[in-house]
Amino acid sequence: MAHLKNTLLIIAFQLLAFNGLAAEQDLVVVVNINNPTSKMSKSQVIDLFMGRNIAFPNGEKATPIDLIDDNHIKRFFYKNLVGMSLARVNAYWSRVKFTGRVKPSVKVPSESGLIQHMHSSPLAIGYMERKHLTKQLKVVYALNE
């Protein structure tokens, strides 16, 4: 009987974990609705968030908005975008900041903070769960596509 109870508990936890991952897998990269950019490739998104480029495809300067380091959405974003853990992403940025050629993204504590920042800045670009989209934001790249 105890074995059956343990098995059921394990299955329940796996289902909860799977549901959490399924929700996270619908991450999108967004810009302000007034931004002229309508679509970006994966490599363009990587270049902006990894500091290799500082502008949108049309040449306007971009301001990447990033969630704070202990955020599970940020971990999922970088793992799926560039295949790197947060530790590796942070180490990369430490080297890039040391050179002084690129400044890191603006950090916000939550998706709601990201949304507020995105509403007020036409040149901002950020990532979030699709379910939090507002009418003032548009998707330029989806991670699961």
C-alpha atoms as a PDB file:
ATOM      1  CA  MET A   1       0.000   0.000   0.000  1.00  0.00           C
ATOM      2  CA  ALA A   2       2.826   2.412   0.864  1.00  0.00           C
ATOM      3  CA  HIS A   3       4.464   1.623  -2.491  1.00  0.00           C
ATOM      4  CA  LEU A   4       1.251   2.538  -4.348  1.00  0.00           C
ATOM      5  CA  LYS A   5       0.957   5.787  -2.377  1.00  0.00           C
ATOM      6  CA  ASN A   6       4.563   6.712  -3.210  1.00  0.00           C
ATOM      7  CA  THR A   7       4.032   5.914  -6.880  1.00  0.00           C
ATOM      8  CA  LEU A   8       0.911   8.102  -6.986  1.00  0.00           C
ATOM      9  CA  LEU A   9       2.796  10.950  -5.299  1.00  0.00           C
ATOM     10  CA  ILE A  10       5.619  10.702  -7.836  1.00  0.00           C
ATOM     11  CA  ILE A  11       3.133  10.761 -10.725  1.00  0.00           C
ATOM     12  CA  ALA A  12       1.363  13.786  -9.220  1.00  0.00           C
ATOM     13  CA  PHE A  13       4.643  15.703  -8.872  1.00  0.00           C
ATOM     14  CA  GLN A  14       5.664  14.815 -12.427  1.00  0.00           C
ATOM     15  CA  LEU A  15       2.331  16.092 -13.748  1.00  0.00           C
ATOM     16  CA  LEU A  16       2.736  19.363 -11.846  1.00  0.00           C
ATOM     17  CA  ALA A  17       6.268  19.784 -13.171  1.00  0.00           C
ATOM     18  CA  PHE A  18       5.132  19.016 -16.724  1.00  0.00           C
ATOM     19  CA  ASN A  19       2.307  21.574 -16.514  1.00  0.00           C
ATOM     20  CA  GLY A  20       4.787  24.209 -15.314  1.00  0.00           C
ATOM     21  CA  LEU A  21       7.156  23.453 -18.178  1.00  0.00           C
ATOM     22  CA  ALA A  22       4.340  23.499 -20.725  1.00  0.00           C
ATOM     23  CA  ALA A  23       3.365  26.991 -19.604  1.00  0.00           C
ATOM     24  CA  GLU A  24       6.980  28.195 -19.754  1.00  0.00           C
ATOM     25  CA  GLN A  25       7.459  26.786 -23.216  1.00  0.00           C
ATOM     26  CA  ASP A  26       5.150  29.448 -24.637  1.00  0.00           C
ATOM     27  CA  LEU A  27       7.657  32.263 -24.228  1.00  0.00           C
ATOM     28  CA  VAL A  28       7.657  35.118 -26.702  1.00  0.00           C
ATOM     29  CA  VAL A  29       9.953  38.039 -27.442  1.00  0.00           C
ATOM     30  CA  VAL A  30       7.991  41.271 -27.507  1.00  0.00           C
ATOM     31  CA  VAL A  31       8.344  44.941 -28.400  1.00  0.00           C
ATOM     32  CA  ASN A  32       6.165  47.982 -27.856  1.00  0.00           C
ATOM     33  CA  ILE A  33       3.281  48.180 -30.353  1.00  0.00           C
ATOM     34  CA  ASN A  34       4.781  51.460 -31.672  1.00  0.00           C
ATOM     35  CA  ASN A  35       8.075  49.795 -32.567  1.00  0.00           C
ATOM     36  CA  PRO A  36       8.336  49.383 -36.371  1.00  0.00           C
ATOM     37  CA  THR A  37       9.908  45.915 -36.015  1.00  0.00           C
ATOM     38  CA  SER A  38       7.343  43.240 -36.797  1.00  0.00           C
ATOM     39  CA  LYS A  39       9.442  40.059 -36.893  1.00  0.00           C
ATOM     40  CA  MET A  40      12.909  38.938 -35.863  1.00  0.00           C
ATOM     41  CA  SER A  41      14.926  35.800 -36.478  1.00  0.00           C
ATOM     42  CA  LYS A  42      16.387  33.707 -33.693  1.00  0.00           C
ATOM     43  CA  SER A  43      19.890  34.938 -34.520  1.00  0.00           C
ATOM     44  CA  GLN A  44      18.749  38.594 -34.352  1.00  0.00           C
ATOM     45  CA  VAL A  45      17.212  37.973 -30.917  1.00  0.00           C
ATOM     46  CA  ILE A  46      20.376  36.191 -29.749  1.00  0.00           C
ATOM     47  CA  ASP A  47      22.535  39.061 -30.995  1.00  0.00           C
ATOM     48  CA  LEU A  48      20.489  41.623 -29.022  1.00  0.00           C
ATOM     49  CA  PHE A  49      20.268  39.662 -25.772  1.00  0.00           C
ATOM     50  CA  MET A  50      23.911  38.552 -25.887  1.00  0.00           C
ATOM     51  CA  GLY A  51      25.225  42.034 -26.681  1.00  0.00           C
ATOM     52  CA  ARG A  52      26.510  41.236 -30.157  1.00  0.00           C
ATOM     53  CA  ASN A  53      24.237  43.883 -31.669  1.00  0.00           C
ATOM     54  CA  ILE A  54      22.689  46.990 -30.151  1.00  0.00           C
ATOM     55  CA  ALA A  55      20.043  47.779 -32.759  1.00  0.00           C
ATOM     56  CA  PHE A  56      16.840  46.456 -34.262  1.00  0.00           C
ATOM     57  CA  PRO A  57      16.967  45.282 -37.907  1.00  0.00           C
ATOM     58  CA  ASN A  58      15.963  48.804 -39.049  1.00  0.00           C
ATOM     59  CA  GLY A  59      19.005  50.305 -37.272  1.00  0.00           C
ATOM     60  CA  GLU A  60      17.193  51.882 -34.314  1.00  0.00           C
ATOM     61  CA  LYS A  61      18.959  51.325 -30.994  1.00  0.00           C
ATOM     62  CA  ALA A  62      17.376  48.537 -28.944  1.00  0.00           C
ATOM     63  CA  THR A  63      17.080  48.313 -25.180  1.00  0.00           C
ATOM     64  CA  PRO A  64      16.918  44.662 -24.066  1.00  0.00           C
ATOM     65  CA  ILE A  65      14.890  44.171 -20.893  1.00  0.00           C
ATOM     66  CA  ASP A  66      15.898  41.155 -18.823  1.00  0.00           C
ATOM     67  CA  LEU A  67      14.371  39.523 -15.761  1.00  0.00           C
ATOM     68  CA  ILE A  68      16.487  39.250 -12.616  1.00  0.00           C
ATOM     69  CA  ASP A  69      18.783  36.248 -12.336  1.00  0.00           C
ATOM     70  CA  ASP A  70      16.772  34.056 -10.003  1.00  0.00           C
ATOM     71  CA  ASN A  71      13.729  34.023 -12.273  1.00  0.00           C
ATOM     72  CA  HIS A  72      12.710  30.617 -13.714  1.00  0.00           C
ATOM     73  CA  ILE A  73      11.453  32.263 -16.928  1.00  0.00           C
ATOM     74  CA  LYS A  74      14.893  33.794 -17.501  1.00  0.00           C
ATOM     75  CA  ARG A  75      16.557  30.411 -16.987  1.00  0.00           C
ATOM     76  CA  PHE A  76      14.185  28.824 -19.506  1.00  0.00           C
ATOM     77  CA  PHE A  77      14.622  31.714 -21.985  1.00  0.00           C
ATOM     78  CA  TYR A  78      18.417  31.515 -22.161  1.00  0.00           C
ATOM     79  CA  LYS A  79      18.531  27.723 -22.069  1.00  0.00           C
ATOM     80  CA  ASN A  80      16.203  27.563 -25.080  1.00  0.00           C
ATOM     81  CA  LEU A  81      17.528  30.595 -26.952  1.00  0.00           C
ATOM     82  CA  VAL A  82      21.280  30.041 -26.697  1.00  0.00           C
ATOM     83  CA  GLY A  83      21.546  26.639 -25.011  1.00  0.00           C
ATOM     84  CA  MET A  84      23.350  28.098 -21.997  1.00  0.00           C
ATOM     85  CA  SER A  85      22.711  27.940 -18.266  1.00  0.00           C
ATOM     86  CA  LEU A  86      22.373  31.217 -16.368  1.00  0.00           C
ATOM     87  CA  ALA A  87      25.791  30.642 -14.840  1.00  0.00           C
ATOM     88  CA  ARG A  88      27.340  30.535 -18.323  1.00  0.00           C
ATOM     89  CA  VAL A  89      25.289  33.542 -19.492  1.00  0.00           C
ATOM     90  CA  ASN A  90      26.428  35.512 -16.424  1.00  0.00           C
ATOM     91  CA  ALA A  91      30.063  34.508 -16.994  1.00  0.00           C
ATOM     92  CA  TYR A  92      29.764  35.597 -20.623  1.00  0.00           C
ATOM     93  CA  TRP A  93      28.354  38.986 -19.560  1.00  0.00           C
ATOM     94  CA  SER A  94      31.124  39.434 -17.005  1.00  0.00           C
ATOM     95  CA  ARG A  95      33.665  39.141 -19.815  1.00  0.00           C
ATOM     96  CA  VAL A  96      31.668  41.416 -22.152  1.00  0.00           C
ATOM     97  CA  LYS A  97      31.196  44.101 -19.458  1.00  0.00           C
ATOM     98  CA  PHE A  98      34.927  44.004 -18.721  1.00  0.00           C
ATOM     99  CA  THR A  99      35.711  44.998 -22.309  1.00  0.00           C
ATOM    100  CA  GLY A 100      33.374  47.994 -21.978  1.00  0.00           C
ATOM    101  CA  ARG A 101      32.076  47.711 -25.531  1.00  0.00           C
ATOM    102  CA  VAL A 102      28.469  46.857 -24.683  1.00  0.00           C
ATOM    103  CA  LYS A 103      26.328  47.677 -21.693  1.00  0.00           C
ATOM    104  CA  PRO A 104      24.134  44.897 -20.299  1.00  0.00           C
ATOM    105  CA  SER A 105      20.367  44.813 -20.508  1.00  0.00           C
ATOM    106  CA  VAL A 106      18.031  46.642 -18.142  1.00  0.00           C
ATOM    107  CA  LYS A 107      17.033  44.306 -15.284  1.00  0.00           C
ATOM    108  CA  VAL A 108      13.473  44.137 -13.918  1.00  0.00           C
ATOM    109  CA  PRO A 109      12.241  41.932 -11.040  1.00  0.00           C
ATOM    110  CA  SER A 110       9.142  40.425 -12.675  1.00  0.00           C
ATOM    111  CA  GLU A 111       7.098  40.049 -15.827  1.00  0.00           C
ATOM    112  CA  SER A 112       4.775  42.808 -14.599  1.00  0.00           C
ATOM    113  CA  GLY A 113       7.809  45.112 -14.272  1.00  0.00           C
ATOM    114  CA  LEU A 114       8.879  44.114 -17.764  1.00  0.00           C
ATOM    115  CA  ILE A 115       5.409  44.887 -19.118  1.00  0.00           C
ATOM    116  CA  GLN A 116       5.394  48.326 -17.471  1.00  0.00           C
ATOM    117  CA  HIS A 117       8.825  49.115 -18.889  1.00  0.00           C
ATOM    118  CA  MET A 118       7.821  47.868 -22.341  1.00  0.00           C
ATOM    119  CA  HIS A 119       4.662  50.019 -22.359  1.00  0.00           C
ATOM    120  CA  SER A 120       6.714  53.162 -21.781  1.00  0.00           C
ATOM    121  CA  SER A 121       9.587  52.486 -24.183  1.00  0.00           C
ATOM    122  CA  PRO A 122       9.113  51.968 -27.936  1.00  0.00           C
ATOM    123  CA  LEU A 123      12.740  50.804 -28.265  1.00  0.00           C
ATOM    124  CA  ALA A 124      12.606  48.134 -25.551  1.00  0.00           C
ATOM    125  CA  ILE A 125      12.631  44.415 -26.294  1.00  0.00           C
ATOM    126  CA  GLY A 126      11.877  41.712 -23.737  1.00  0.00           C
ATOM    127  CA  TYR A 127      10.629  38.177 -23.236  1.00  0.00           C
ATOM    128  CA  MET A 128       7.595  36.878 -21.375  1.00  0.00           C
ATOM    129  CA  GLU A 129       4.966  34.184 -21.274  1.00  0.00           C
ATOM    130  CA  ARG A 130       2.486  34.672 -24.119  1.00  0.00           C
ATOM    131  CA  LYS A 131      -0.436  34.622 -21.680  1.00  0.00           C
ATOM    132  CA  HIS A 132       0.712  38.009 -20.278  1.00  0.00           C
ATOM    133  CA  LEU A 133       0.613  39.859 -23.618  1.00  0.00           C
ATOM    134  CA  THR A 134      -1.189  43.197 -23.634  1.00  0.00           C
ATOM    135  CA  LYS A 135      -2.560  45.340 -26.457  1.00  0.00           C
ATOM    136  CA  GLN A 136       0.474  47.636 -26.125  1.00  0.00           C
ATOM    137  CA  LEU A 137       2.901  44.806 -26.997  1.00  0.00           C
ATOM    138  CA  LYS A 138       3.514  42.706 -30.086  1.00  0.00           C
ATOM    139  CA  VAL A 139       5.348  39.437 -30.602  1.00  0.00           C
ATOM    140  CA  VAL A 140       8.431  39.567 -32.835  1.00  0.00           C
ATOM    141  CA  TYR A 141       9.723  36.065 -32.063  1.00  0.00           C
ATOM    142  CA  ALA A 142       8.295  32.951 -30.389  1.00  0.00           C
ATOM    143  CA  LEU A 143      10.649  30.465 -28.732  1.00  0.00           C
ATOM    144  CA  ASN A 144       8.477  27.423 -29.365  1.00  0.00           C
ATOM    145  CA  GLU A 145       8.140  27.905 -33.117  1.00  0.00           C
END
